[in-house]
Every structure is written in C-alpha cells, then in structure tokens.
Protein backbone atom coordinates (compact mmCIF):
# COMPACT_ATOMS: atom_id res chain seq x y z
CA MET A 1 4.46 -7.78 -11.61
CA ILE A 2 6.60 -10.80 -11.95
CA HIS A 3 5.48 -12.29 -15.41
CA ASP A 4 8.13 -15.44 -15.57
CA PRO A 5 9.05 -16.13 -12.06
CA ALA A 6 12.09 -18.86 -13.34
CA ASP A 7 13.66 -15.91 -15.24
CA LEU A 8 13.59 -13.60 -12.63
CA LEU A 9 15.47 -15.70 -10.39
CA ARG A 10 17.54 -16.77 -12.78
CA GLU A 11 18.12 -13.11 -14.04
CA ARG A 12 19.34 -12.21 -9.84
CA GLY A 13 21.12 -15.31 -9.65
CA ILE A 14 19.23 -17.15 -7.15
CA GLN A 15 18.82 -20.93 -7.48
CA VAL A 16 15.48 -21.63 -9.25
CA THR A 17 13.43 -24.01 -7.06
CA ALA A 18 9.90 -25.45 -6.67
CA GLN A 19 9.49 -24.27 -3.69
CA ARG A 20 10.62 -20.43 -4.47
CA LEU A 21 8.70 -20.56 -7.25
CA ALA A 22 5.54 -21.12 -5.59
CA VAL A 23 6.28 -18.61 -2.75
CA LEU A 24 6.91 -16.36 -5.52
CA ARG A 25 3.55 -17.10 -7.08
CA ALA A 26 1.69 -16.76 -3.97
CA VAL A 27 3.15 -13.65 -3.05
CA THR A 28 2.18 -12.19 -6.39
CA ALA A 29 -1.20 -13.67 -5.92
CA HIS A 30 -1.97 -12.64 -2.21
CA PRO A 31 -0.81 -8.88 -2.06
CA HIS A 32 0.06 -8.46 1.68
CA VAL A 33 -0.02 -11.93 2.46
CA THR A 34 2.09 -13.14 5.72
CA ALA A 35 4.29 -16.02 5.95
CA ASP A 36 1.56 -18.41 7.15
CA GLY A 37 -0.70 -17.16 3.85
CA VAL A 38 2.29 -17.96 2.31
CA ALA A 39 2.76 -21.65 3.60
CA GLU A 40 -1.12 -22.21 2.97
CA ALA A 41 -1.02 -21.40 -0.66
CA VAL A 42 2.23 -23.02 -1.21
CA ARG A 43 0.74 -26.14 -0.01
CA ALA A 44 -1.86 -26.27 -2.01
CA GLU A 45 -0.30 -25.58 -5.28
CA ILE A 46 2.76 -28.16 -4.17
CA GLY A 47 2.27 -30.33 -1.01
CA ALA A 48 4.19 -30.41 1.60
CA ILE A 49 6.71 -27.36 2.79
CA SER A 50 7.94 -26.50 6.25
CA LEU A 51 7.37 -23.18 7.28
CA GLN A 52 10.99 -22.65 8.17
CA SER A 53 11.36 -23.28 3.88
CA VAL A 54 8.48 -20.52 3.52
CA TYR A 55 10.58 -18.18 5.47
CA ASP A 56 13.98 -19.04 4.37
CA ALA A 57 12.52 -18.35 0.40
CA LEU A 58 10.71 -15.15 1.70
CA GLY A 59 14.10 -14.23 3.36
CA VAL A 60 16.13 -14.78 -0.08
CA LEU A 61 13.28 -12.51 -2.44
CA VAL A 62 13.47 -10.32 0.14
CA ALA A 63 17.30 -9.90 -0.08
CA GLU A 64 17.43 -9.69 -3.61
CA GLY A 65 14.60 -6.64 -4.08
CA LEU A 66 11.90 -9.27 -5.53
CA ILE A 67 9.45 -8.96 -2.76
CA ARG A 68 9.04 -6.28 -0.07
CA ARG A 69 8.07 -7.30 3.99
CA ILE A 70 5.91 -4.91 5.78
CA GLN A 71 5.25 -5.20 9.62
CA PRO A 72 2.37 -3.18 10.79
CA ALA A 73 3.09 -2.16 14.20
CA GLY A 74 1.14 -5.12 15.90
CA SER A 75 0.46 -7.41 12.99
CA PRO A 76 2.85 -10.18 12.08
CA ALA A 77 5.00 -9.68 8.65
CA ARG A 78 3.35 -9.29 5.39
CA PHE A 79 4.84 -9.45 1.93
CA GLU A 80 4.14 -7.95 -1.36
CA ASP A 81 5.32 -7.98 -4.82
CA ARG A 82 5.02 -3.78 -5.52
CA VAL A 83 8.58 -2.78 -5.54
CA GLY A 84 10.86 -0.28 -7.49
CA ASP A 85 8.14 2.68 -6.30
CA ASN A 86 7.43 4.15 -3.25
CA HIS A 87 3.77 3.84 -2.43
CA HIS A 88 2.18 3.80 0.75
CA HIS A 89 -0.05 1.33 2.58
CA LEU A 90 -3.85 1.51 3.95
CA ILE A 91 -3.84 -0.16 7.31
CA CYS A 92 -7.66 -1.03 8.92
CA ARG A 93 -7.51 -0.53 12.75
CA GLY A 94 -10.77 -2.99 12.50
CA CYS A 95 -9.84 -6.11 10.34
CA GLY A 96 -6.37 -6.02 9.25
CA ARG A 97 -6.96 -5.76 5.70
CA VAL A 98 -3.68 -3.73 4.33
CA VAL A 99 -4.13 -1.97 0.53
CA ASP A 100 -1.81 -0.03 -1.14
CA VAL A 101 -1.96 3.91 -2.06
CA ASP A 102 0.15 5.38 -4.19
CA CYS A 103 2.70 8.41 -2.71
CA ALA A 104 0.25 11.37 -1.73
CA VAL A 105 2.43 14.13 -3.34
CA GLY A 106 3.61 12.65 -6.17
CA SER A 107 7.23 10.98 -6.64
CA ALA A 108 9.00 10.05 -3.44
CA PRO A 109 8.26 13.68 -1.33
CA CYS A 110 8.57 11.70 1.69
CA LEU A 111 12.09 11.12 0.99
CA THR A 112 12.71 14.77 1.18
CA ALA A 113 12.65 15.80 5.12
CA SER A 114 12.40 19.53 6.20
CA ASN A 115 15.53 18.82 7.88
CA ASP A 116 17.60 15.82 7.38
CA ARG A 117 20.09 16.53 9.95
CA GLY A 118 23.10 15.30 7.53
CA TYR A 119 21.20 11.68 7.30
CA GLU A 120 21.19 10.17 3.90
CA ILE A 121 17.64 9.24 3.45
CA ASP A 122 16.90 6.10 1.32
CA GLU A 123 13.81 4.91 2.61
CA ALA A 124 10.82 6.33 4.64
CA GLU A 125 7.57 4.33 5.70
CA VAL A 126 3.78 6.32 5.80
CA ALA A 127 0.99 4.02 7.41
CA TYR A 128 -2.19 5.65 6.95
CA TRP A 129 -4.70 3.89 9.88
CA GLY A 130 -8.46 3.82 9.87
CA ARG A 131 -11.03 1.34 9.19
CA CYS A 132 -11.95 0.14 5.62
CA PRO A 133 -15.11 0.58 3.76
CA GLU A 134 -16.35 -3.13 5.50
CA CYS A 135 -15.76 -2.49 8.66
CA VAL A 136 -17.15 1.30 8.68
CA ARG A 137 -20.23 -0.33 6.88
CA ARG A 138 -20.64 -2.76 9.22
CA SER A 139 -20.45 -0.57 12.54
CA ARG A 140 -23.36 1.85 11.06
CA PRO A 141 -26.29 0.07 13.12
CA ALA A 142 -24.84 1.05 15.82
CA SER A 143 -24.15 4.99 14.70
CA THR A 144 -27.67 5.03 13.75
CA ALA A 145 -28.81 3.57 17.13
CA ALA A 146 -27.13 6.24 18.94
CA ARG A 147 -28.72 8.82 16.59
CA SER A 148 -32.15 7.87 17.29
CA THR A 149 -31.29 7.75 20.83
CA THR A 150 -30.75 11.54 20.91
CA ARG A 151 -33.60 12.04 18.71
CA THR A 152 -35.83 10.43 21.43
CA THR A 153 -34.53 11.35 24.87
CA GLY A 154 -32.80 14.63 23.79
CA GLN A 155 -29.39 12.97 25.17
CA ARG A 156 -26.57 11.19 23.17
CA ALA A 157 -25.67 8.13 23.97
CA THR A 158 -22.24 7.41 25.06
CA SER A 159 -19.92 4.59 24.83
CA PRO A 160 -16.29 3.91 25.76
CA ALA A 161 -13.79 5.91 23.31
CA LYS A 162 -11.20 3.52 21.85
CA PRO A 163 -7.83 5.22 22.34
CA ARG A 164 -6.09 6.34 19.26
CA THR A 165 -2.55 4.47 19.36
CA ARG A 166 0.28 4.98 17.19
CA PRO A 167 2.03 2.09 15.98
CA PRO A 168 5.38 1.40 18.00
CA ALA A 169 8.29 2.20 16.82
CA ASP A 170 11.22 -0.19 16.81
CA GLY A 171 12.79 0.46 20.15
CA LYS A 172 15.09 3.13 19.31
CA GLY A 173 12.28 5.90 17.87
CA ARG A 174 11.82 4.97 14.79
CA PRO A 175 9.14 2.79 13.16
CA PRO A 176 10.12 -0.34 11.45
CA SER A 177 11.45 0.35 7.84
CA ASN A 178 10.63 -0.84 4.68
CA HIS A 179 10.05 1.82 1.99
CA ARG A 180 12.89 2.25 -0.16
CA ARG A 181 14.10 5.32 -2.97
CA PRO A 182 13.98 3.48 -6.54
CA GLY A 183 17.28 1.48 -7.33
CA ARG A 184 18.62 1.86 -4.04
CA SER A 185 19.93 -0.95 -2.13
CA ARG A 186 20.31 -1.37 1.79
CA LYS A 187 23.78 -3.79 0.59
CA GLY A 188 26.78 -1.93 0.83
C-alpha cells in the first residue's frame, strides 16, 4: 500500500510531478484499472492530461516496480499497486472483473516447477477464469427455467454451450508474464 506517493517516487529517484502522483493515486484507488480508467481518474483530479502522458507515467511506475501491469487474455492491460508478493487473479468471463487471490498453497509454490529444465525461474503467472458472483446471480433465472422445463416435459432444455477457451499465449507458446518473485527484478 502506498502511504506518501511523493516520498515513494523520490526514494526511487523518479522526478515528482503532478501527473505521476495522480496516476499513482488512481492505481491505488482503483485496483486492476485500465489506462483509460487511470486517465479518467487523473482528469477528474488534476484536469487535462493526454492518454500518452498517462501511458508514460504508468511505464515509469511499472519499470520501477511501484505498480504491476497485468494483461488478462482478451483484455486491455490493467494496473495494480499490489507488488512485492506472489498473488494471482480471478477473472470473470462474463463482465471482465478482476480480483486478487493469494497463492493457493502458501509462499510462492508456483515458482518451483516440477522440472525447470535448467531455467532460472523468477516469475510465474496464474489466472483463474470463471464467473464472478454477480454474473452467476444474473444467470440463475435461466438455470431455474431450464430445471422447470425438465420437470414438466421430462426433457432437458438445451442451449448452445459456450466453448471453454484458454487465454492465448504470447506467440511463443508462453502466456504474458506479470508475476515476479519478491525482491527480483527483470533488469540485468
């Protein structure tokens, strides 16, 4: 959690500007926000700012490890200020909502591959895909109607099944990476 954004920027040797402070506050206030969402929040706080300036500020903050960039498949990049731990994300296929979830088995088990094939692993991405509680609630009336059809006619109502798809890889057979082992940097 960010306490004093200006001090945080100074500690990292980043020039403190009204735009960078507003971007950092927007990401802190709206976890998993898109760049467009950041621009909207920043404009509400300080007035005019170009989308390019927002992207520039986000890039600096990501590069310095103050915020994290995630990009769920089929979604624009999103930004969060929860860095320095190994957590994952729940992503709703219905509405696109993204929420944090702690590592399933404790501290960073997903960074220990069953066979690392000689790689020095410093990052892993885990995304759980499904439907959020709100989307499940909204779909319940359709489920209830299907059950009542089964009871009255003896035949189950059918509807086309949604294909289950895996998020696309980055073109090299790997998902886009966005989880780093705490204390490790991509620089070097």
